[in-house]
Every structure is written in structure tokens, then in C-alpha cells.
Amino acid sequence: MLTSSPTILDKKYIKLILQISLSEISFCILNTLSNSVETIGNFGLKKSNNLIEIEEEIISFIKKTPILQSKFDSVLVLHNNNLTSFIPQVFFDEQYLGSYLQYNIKVFETDFITFDEIANYEMNCVYIPYVNINNSLIDCYGSFDYKHSYSILVKKILDLSKNNDEPQVFVHTEKDYFQIIVVKNQKLLLFNTFEYKTKEDFIYYILFTLEQLQLNPETIPLKMLGNVTKESKIYQIAYKYVRNVSLFFENNDLDNKISQQDYLQNFILIHACE
């Protein structure tokens, strides 16, 4: 049987960005014709130590959620985990991906390891994606692209640091983890991710990082984004120990109709649309 190739008449002008972690699924639907975000959604997963159960819950949610079963022109899947490392291009060799992760995490011979090129910054994000989830998503969407969430996060923050010769500290918070990104005029000085349970854990890692980089908490600007508000305990304790703390919010053509809270919580999703 002959099948016709897709034409412009088949285009729906909608793109799905789907972000997956072991604690949450979040998604963003972009109207590519008007360059506007149509829908943002977040779904928390049940806490479990059984990876297979979590993966099954993720796929079940996607298959049972009507809006995620729409016809999309393209799909981008973001893998959100701490199985990653940023490697300067000068030290990078695609044949030795496992060696870049082995000092931070336990790597097995059977692990599939891949990387994202960070455009314009001569750097790569090496990571282990959720392979079983990728395989299951083929049944849902056919072909799709995938990246690591931190590739989007770091690139956007490097873009924001252009022409700023003073170091800046960004803290992106999630449910059980947070990332510290220190930049200076489009140079990545530090990226690290920490697990935390209490607000005291949170501020300890921040102050320790500032001390190691010889950055003064009395003067360094610290910008917070992610799952945080001014009422959050982690914001309050950061404000207590670091003088110049603020929530980060940027207005641009894509997110001008998005509230500050949605923008902060979905920073990675929104900038994956760009």
C-alpha cells in the first residue's frame, strides 16, 4: 500500500516537551505558529524504590492523559536525573563516555550513555537516560528527540550571563534535589547537584560552595528558580545567610503570558521551547 508523505496541510503546529524524573512528570505544549505556551502540567509520582514500578506509572499516566495523546508535529523528551556530568570539548572523547561519569556515580557496563552538545559553549553534557522509558515512548509517539534537562538549564543560564563580568550564582530547586550553577560572562565556573532533606542541608551546600569558590555571601547575587517561592523555607533561610537573594524572572516573547510561579517552576520546560 502506498502512503503519502506529510505535507504542510498535515501540520498541527503544536510541539510537546515532556520532562521525566523519578518523582514527577511535567509537560509543556507549545503552539509553534504563535510561539506561545498553550498548556503546562505537572504530575507527582508515588515515592517508590522500585524503578520498574515508577517507569510503569510514568507510561500509564502518559497513555491515560488525553492531552498527551494529541497529534504533535514534534516531541522532545527531557530526562531529569543526576546521572550526568559536563565536559569541556577539549577534554571530550565520545569513545570514553563512561569514564566521565564513573567518579560521580556507579556505572555498569550495560548502561547506555549518551551526550548533548551545548551549542556555542564548546561543552557536552554526558548522561545516562531512562532507556526503558524511551523505548516505551516510541509506542506513544513514534520518533522523538531527547535531551537531558540540565543541558537546557545550563545553556540558558550561560546565555543570561552575557556581558556580565561578575560571577552570578543560580540555584534551581526541585523536590529532593537542587542544582547550583555559577557563571561569569558565558563561562561555566561550577555546576553541581545536591540531594537535600531539610532547609539546613540546603543552606549548608550553598554556603560551602560559595566558600570553595571564594565568593562573598555579603555581595554575590544569588538567583533562585524552580520549585520555590518567597514563602518557601529554603528561600527564607537563603535570605537569612546570603544578602543579595532574589527569585529570577525574565520577560520574553515566549513566556509573557506565564505567571512568575509557573515560570519559576517550569523554567527548564519553557526554555526547552526556544
Protein backbone atom coordinates (compact mmCIF):
# COMPACT_ATOMS: atom_id res chain seq x y z
CA MET A 1 0.00 0.00 0.00
CA LEU A 2 1.29 3.47 -0.87
CA THR A 3 1.27 6.16 1.79
CA SER A 4 1.61 9.86 1.12
CA SER A 5 4.35 11.90 2.71
CA PRO A 6 3.37 14.51 5.30
CA THR A 7 2.64 17.92 3.84
CA ILE A 8 2.14 21.37 5.29
CA LEU A 9 -1.58 20.59 5.42
CA ASP A 10 -0.86 17.82 7.93
CA LYS A 11 0.93 20.12 10.35
CA LYS A 12 -0.78 20.80 13.67
CA TYR A 13 1.69 23.50 14.74
CA ILE A 14 1.98 22.05 18.20
CA LYS A 15 5.05 20.65 19.93
CA LEU A 16 5.23 18.59 23.12
CA ILE A 17 8.05 18.94 25.62
CA LEU A 18 7.86 16.12 28.16
CA GLN A 19 10.14 16.16 31.22
CA ILE A 20 10.56 12.95 33.20
CA SER A 21 12.14 12.35 36.59
CA LEU A 22 11.55 9.58 39.12
CA SER A 23 9.42 11.89 41.24
CA GLU A 24 7.49 13.95 38.68
CA ILE A 25 6.27 14.19 35.11
CA SER A 26 5.87 17.68 33.71
CA PHE A 27 4.95 18.80 30.23
CA CYS A 28 4.57 21.86 28.08
CA ILE A 29 2.59 22.17 24.83
CA LEU A 30 3.84 24.87 22.51
CA ASN A 31 1.92 26.47 19.65
CA THR A 32 4.72 26.87 17.11
CA LEU A 33 2.65 29.17 14.89
CA SER A 34 2.10 31.83 17.55
CA ASN A 35 5.21 30.85 19.56
CA SER A 36 3.15 30.63 22.72
CA VAL A 37 2.77 28.12 25.52
CA GLU A 38 -0.72 26.59 25.41
CA THR A 39 -0.55 24.21 28.37
CA ILE A 40 1.76 23.44 31.27
CA GLY A 41 1.16 20.47 33.54
CA ASN A 42 2.85 18.73 36.47
CA PHE A 43 2.10 15.30 37.92
CA GLY A 44 3.79 13.96 41.05
CA LEU A 45 4.71 10.28 41.16
CA LYS A 46 4.29 7.94 44.10
CA LYS A 47 7.52 7.51 46.06
CA SER A 48 9.00 4.08 45.41
CA ASN A 49 12.37 2.36 45.40
CA ASN A 50 11.21 0.07 42.62
CA LEU A 51 12.37 1.53 39.30
CA ILE A 52 10.14 -0.76 37.23
CA GLU A 53 7.04 0.38 39.15
CA ILE A 54 7.94 4.04 38.61
CA GLU A 55 8.52 3.52 34.89
CA GLU A 56 5.18 1.73 34.58
CA GLU A 57 3.40 4.59 36.40
CA ILE A 58 5.03 7.13 34.06
CA ILE A 59 3.97 5.34 30.90
CA SER A 60 0.49 4.65 32.29
CA PHE A 61 0.00 8.36 33.07
CA ILE A 62 1.09 9.38 29.57
CA LYS A 63 -1.18 6.84 27.87
CA LYS A 64 -4.20 7.74 30.04
CA THR A 65 -3.86 11.53 29.74
CA PRO A 66 -5.85 12.69 26.68
CA ILE A 67 -3.90 15.91 26.13
CA LEU A 68 -0.66 13.89 25.87
CA GLN A 69 -2.23 11.68 23.21
CA SER A 70 -2.78 14.53 20.77
CA LYS A 71 -1.08 14.56 17.39
CA PHE A 72 2.14 16.58 17.72
CA ASP A 73 4.42 17.77 14.96
CA SER A 74 7.38 17.01 17.19
CA VAL A 75 8.12 15.69 20.66
CA LEU A 76 11.10 16.48 22.87
CA VAL A 77 11.68 14.28 25.93
CA LEU A 78 13.82 15.67 28.74
CA HIS A 79 15.49 13.22 31.12
CA ASN A 80 15.83 14.73 34.57
CA ASN A 81 18.28 12.86 36.83
CA ASN A 82 21.66 13.36 38.48
CA LEU A 83 23.39 10.76 36.28
CA THR A 84 25.28 13.43 34.41
CA SER A 85 28.46 15.46 34.04
CA PHE A 86 29.53 18.49 31.97
CA ILE A 87 32.75 18.01 29.99
CA PRO A 88 34.67 20.74 28.12
CA GLN A 89 35.08 19.92 24.44
CA VAL A 90 38.88 20.00 24.72
CA PHE A 91 38.77 17.01 27.12
CA PHE A 92 35.92 15.18 25.38
CA ASP A 93 36.19 11.88 23.53
CA GLU A 94 32.97 10.16 22.50
CA GLN A 95 34.61 6.74 22.88
CA TYR A 96 35.09 7.16 26.64
CA LEU A 97 31.71 8.42 27.83
CA GLY A 98 31.62 6.09 30.83
CA SER A 99 34.87 7.47 32.20
CA TYR A 100 33.32 10.91 32.64
CA LEU A 101 30.65 9.56 34.99
CA GLN A 102 32.45 6.87 36.95
CA TYR A 103 33.82 9.21 39.63
CA ASN A 104 30.39 10.66 40.43
CA ILE A 105 28.06 7.68 40.06
CA LYS A 106 28.17 3.91 39.82
CA VAL A 107 28.37 2.99 36.13
CA PHE A 108 27.66 -0.52 34.83
CA GLU A 109 28.89 -2.00 31.58
CA THR A 110 25.29 -2.41 30.43
CA ASP A 111 24.42 1.28 30.94
CA PHE A 112 23.60 3.25 27.82
CA ILE A 113 25.45 6.57 27.98
CA THR A 114 24.93 9.46 25.60
CA PHE A 115 25.62 13.20 25.44
CA ASP A 116 24.19 16.57 24.38
CA GLU A 117 26.32 19.19 22.72
CA ILE A 118 25.85 22.56 24.42
CA ALA A 119 25.64 24.80 21.39
CA ASN A 120 28.06 27.76 21.29
CA TYR A 121 29.84 26.76 24.50
CA GLU A 122 32.30 24.01 23.47
CA MET A 123 30.95 21.70 26.13
CA ASN A 124 28.99 18.45 26.35
CA CYS A 125 26.55 17.06 28.87
CA VAL A 126 27.26 13.34 29.32
CA TYR A 127 24.43 11.36 30.91
CA ILE A 128 22.50 8.12 31.31
CA PRO A 129 18.94 8.47 30.01
CA TYR A 130 15.94 6.39 31.07
CA VAL A 131 16.28 3.85 28.27
CA ASN A 132 13.22 1.77 29.16
CA ILE A 133 11.06 4.88 29.19
CA ASN A 134 12.45 5.97 25.82
CA ASN A 135 11.62 2.56 24.37
CA SER A 136 8.06 2.73 25.72
CA LEU A 137 7.56 6.25 24.37
CA ILE A 138 8.28 5.04 20.84
CA ASP A 139 4.92 3.24 21.03
CA CYS A 140 3.27 6.50 22.09
CA TYR A 141 4.87 8.99 19.72
CA GLY A 142 6.96 7.17 17.16
CA SER A 143 10.15 9.14 16.62
CA PHE A 144 11.12 11.88 19.05
CA ASP A 145 14.18 13.81 20.22
CA TYR A 146 15.55 13.65 23.72
CA LYS A 147 17.99 15.63 25.84
CA HIS A 148 18.99 15.99 29.45
CA SER A 149 17.15 18.66 31.44
CA TYR A 150 20.39 20.11 32.74
CA SER A 151 21.59 20.77 29.19
CA ILE A 152 18.68 23.18 28.79
CA LEU A 153 19.20 24.67 32.25
CA VAL A 154 22.92 25.35 31.91
CA LYS A 155 22.75 26.70 28.36
CA LYS A 156 20.02 29.18 29.24
CA ILE A 157 21.86 30.45 32.30
CA LEU A 158 25.08 30.82 30.29
CA ASP A 159 23.09 32.84 27.74
CA LEU A 160 21.78 35.08 30.52
CA SER A 161 25.29 35.81 31.79
CA LYS A 162 26.43 37.50 28.58
CA ASN A 163 28.42 40.71 29.14
CA ASN A 164 28.33 40.30 32.92
CA ASP A 165 31.91 40.15 34.20
CA GLU A 166 30.88 39.49 37.79
CA PRO A 167 30.14 35.94 38.99
CA GLN A 168 26.47 35.05 39.41
CA VAL A 169 25.00 32.13 41.32
CA PHE A 170 21.79 30.45 40.19
CA VAL A 171 20.03 27.84 42.32
CA HIS A 172 17.42 25.65 40.65
CA THR A 173 15.35 23.73 43.20
CA GLU A 174 13.38 20.51 42.82
CA LYS A 175 11.54 18.27 45.27
CA ASP A 176 14.55 16.43 46.70
CA TYR A 177 17.44 17.93 44.75
CA PHE A 178 18.78 21.28 43.73
CA GLN A 179 21.38 22.47 41.27
CA ILE A 180 23.93 25.22 41.76
CA ILE A 181 25.18 26.92 38.62
CA VAL A 182 27.89 29.58 38.88
CA VAL A 183 28.59 31.60 35.73
CA LYS A 184 30.63 34.60 34.65
CA ASN A 185 30.18 36.19 31.23
CA GLN A 186 29.15 32.96 29.49
CA LYS A 187 31.75 30.86 31.30
CA LEU A 188 30.60 27.98 33.48
CA LEU A 189 32.54 28.17 36.73
CA LEU A 190 30.65 25.40 38.51
CA PHE A 191 27.71 23.05 38.12
CA ASN A 192 26.70 20.63 40.85
CA THR A 193 23.57 18.93 42.07
CA PHE A 194 22.80 18.09 45.69
CA GLU A 195 20.23 15.98 47.46
CA TYR A 196 18.64 17.66 50.47
CA LYS A 197 16.01 16.81 53.07
CA THR A 198 15.95 19.93 55.26
CA LYS A 199 16.43 23.65 54.79
CA GLU A 200 19.63 23.32 56.84
CA ASP A 201 21.01 20.84 54.28
CA PHE A 202 20.10 23.29 51.57
CA ILE A 203 21.91 26.33 53.00
CA TYR A 204 24.91 24.25 54.07
CA TYR A 205 25.64 23.20 50.49
CA ILE A 206 25.16 26.74 49.20
CA LEU A 207 27.48 28.31 51.77
CA PHE A 208 30.03 25.53 51.29
CA THR A 209 30.03 26.14 47.52
CA LEU A 210 30.45 29.89 47.97
CA GLU A 211 33.34 29.29 50.35
CA GLN A 212 35.08 26.91 47.95
CA LEU A 213 34.80 29.44 45.12
CA GLN A 214 35.82 32.30 47.42
CA LEU A 215 32.57 34.14 46.77
CA ASN A 216 31.35 36.51 49.47
CA PRO A 217 27.75 35.82 50.62
CA GLU A 218 27.51 39.50 51.54
CA THR A 219 27.95 40.64 47.94
CA ILE A 220 27.35 37.79 45.48
CA PRO A 221 23.94 37.84 43.74
CA LEU A 222 22.06 34.57 44.25
CA LYS A 223 19.07 33.98 42.00
CA MET A 224 16.62 31.21 42.80
CA LEU A 225 14.29 29.40 40.44
CA GLY A 226 12.48 26.10 40.20
CA ASN A 227 10.11 24.87 42.89
CA VAL A 228 10.42 27.89 45.17
CA THR A 229 8.52 30.97 46.34
CA LYS A 230 9.41 33.79 48.74
CA GLU A 231 7.40 31.92 51.37
CA SER A 232 9.44 28.71 50.95
CA LYS A 233 11.59 27.66 53.89
CA ILE A 234 14.58 27.28 51.59
CA TYR A 235 14.15 30.84 50.28
CA GLN A 236 13.79 32.21 53.80
CA ILE A 237 16.97 30.54 55.04
CA ALA A 238 18.90 31.61 51.92
CA TYR A 239 17.72 35.18 52.53
CA LYS A 240 18.98 34.93 56.10
CA TYR A 241 22.55 33.91 55.17
CA VAL A 242 23.06 35.46 51.72
CA ARG A 243 22.42 39.18 51.48
CA ASN A 244 21.52 39.52 47.79
CA VAL A 245 18.86 36.84 47.15
CA SER A 246 16.03 37.10 44.64
CA LEU A 247 13.64 34.99 42.59
CA PHE A 248 14.60 35.00 38.94
CA PHE A 249 12.02 36.05 36.36
CA GLU A 250 12.69 37.04 32.78
CA ASN A 251 10.15 38.50 30.39
CA ASN A 252 10.38 37.44 26.77
CA ASP A 253 8.10 36.82 23.81
CA LEU A 254 7.53 33.18 24.72
CA ASP A 255 6.59 33.46 28.37
CA ASN A 256 4.93 36.89 28.54
CA LYS A 257 1.58 35.29 29.48
CA ILE A 258 3.02 32.95 32.08
CA SER A 259 2.84 33.77 35.78
CA GLN A 260 6.03 34.12 37.76
CA GLN A 261 5.26 30.96 39.74
CA ASP A 262 4.69 28.86 36.60
CA TYR A 263 7.80 30.35 35.03
CA LEU A 264 9.97 29.55 38.03
CA GLN A 265 8.65 26.01 38.45
CA ASN A 266 8.86 25.21 34.74
CA PHE A 267 11.99 27.16 33.81
CA ILE A 268 13.57 24.19 32.03
CA LEU A 269 10.41 23.25 30.13
CA ILE A 270 9.78 26.79 28.97
CA HIS A 271 13.30 27.33 27.71
CA ALA A 272 13.35 23.96 26.01
CA CYS A 273 10.72 25.54 23.72
CA GLU A 274 13.19 28.07 22.37
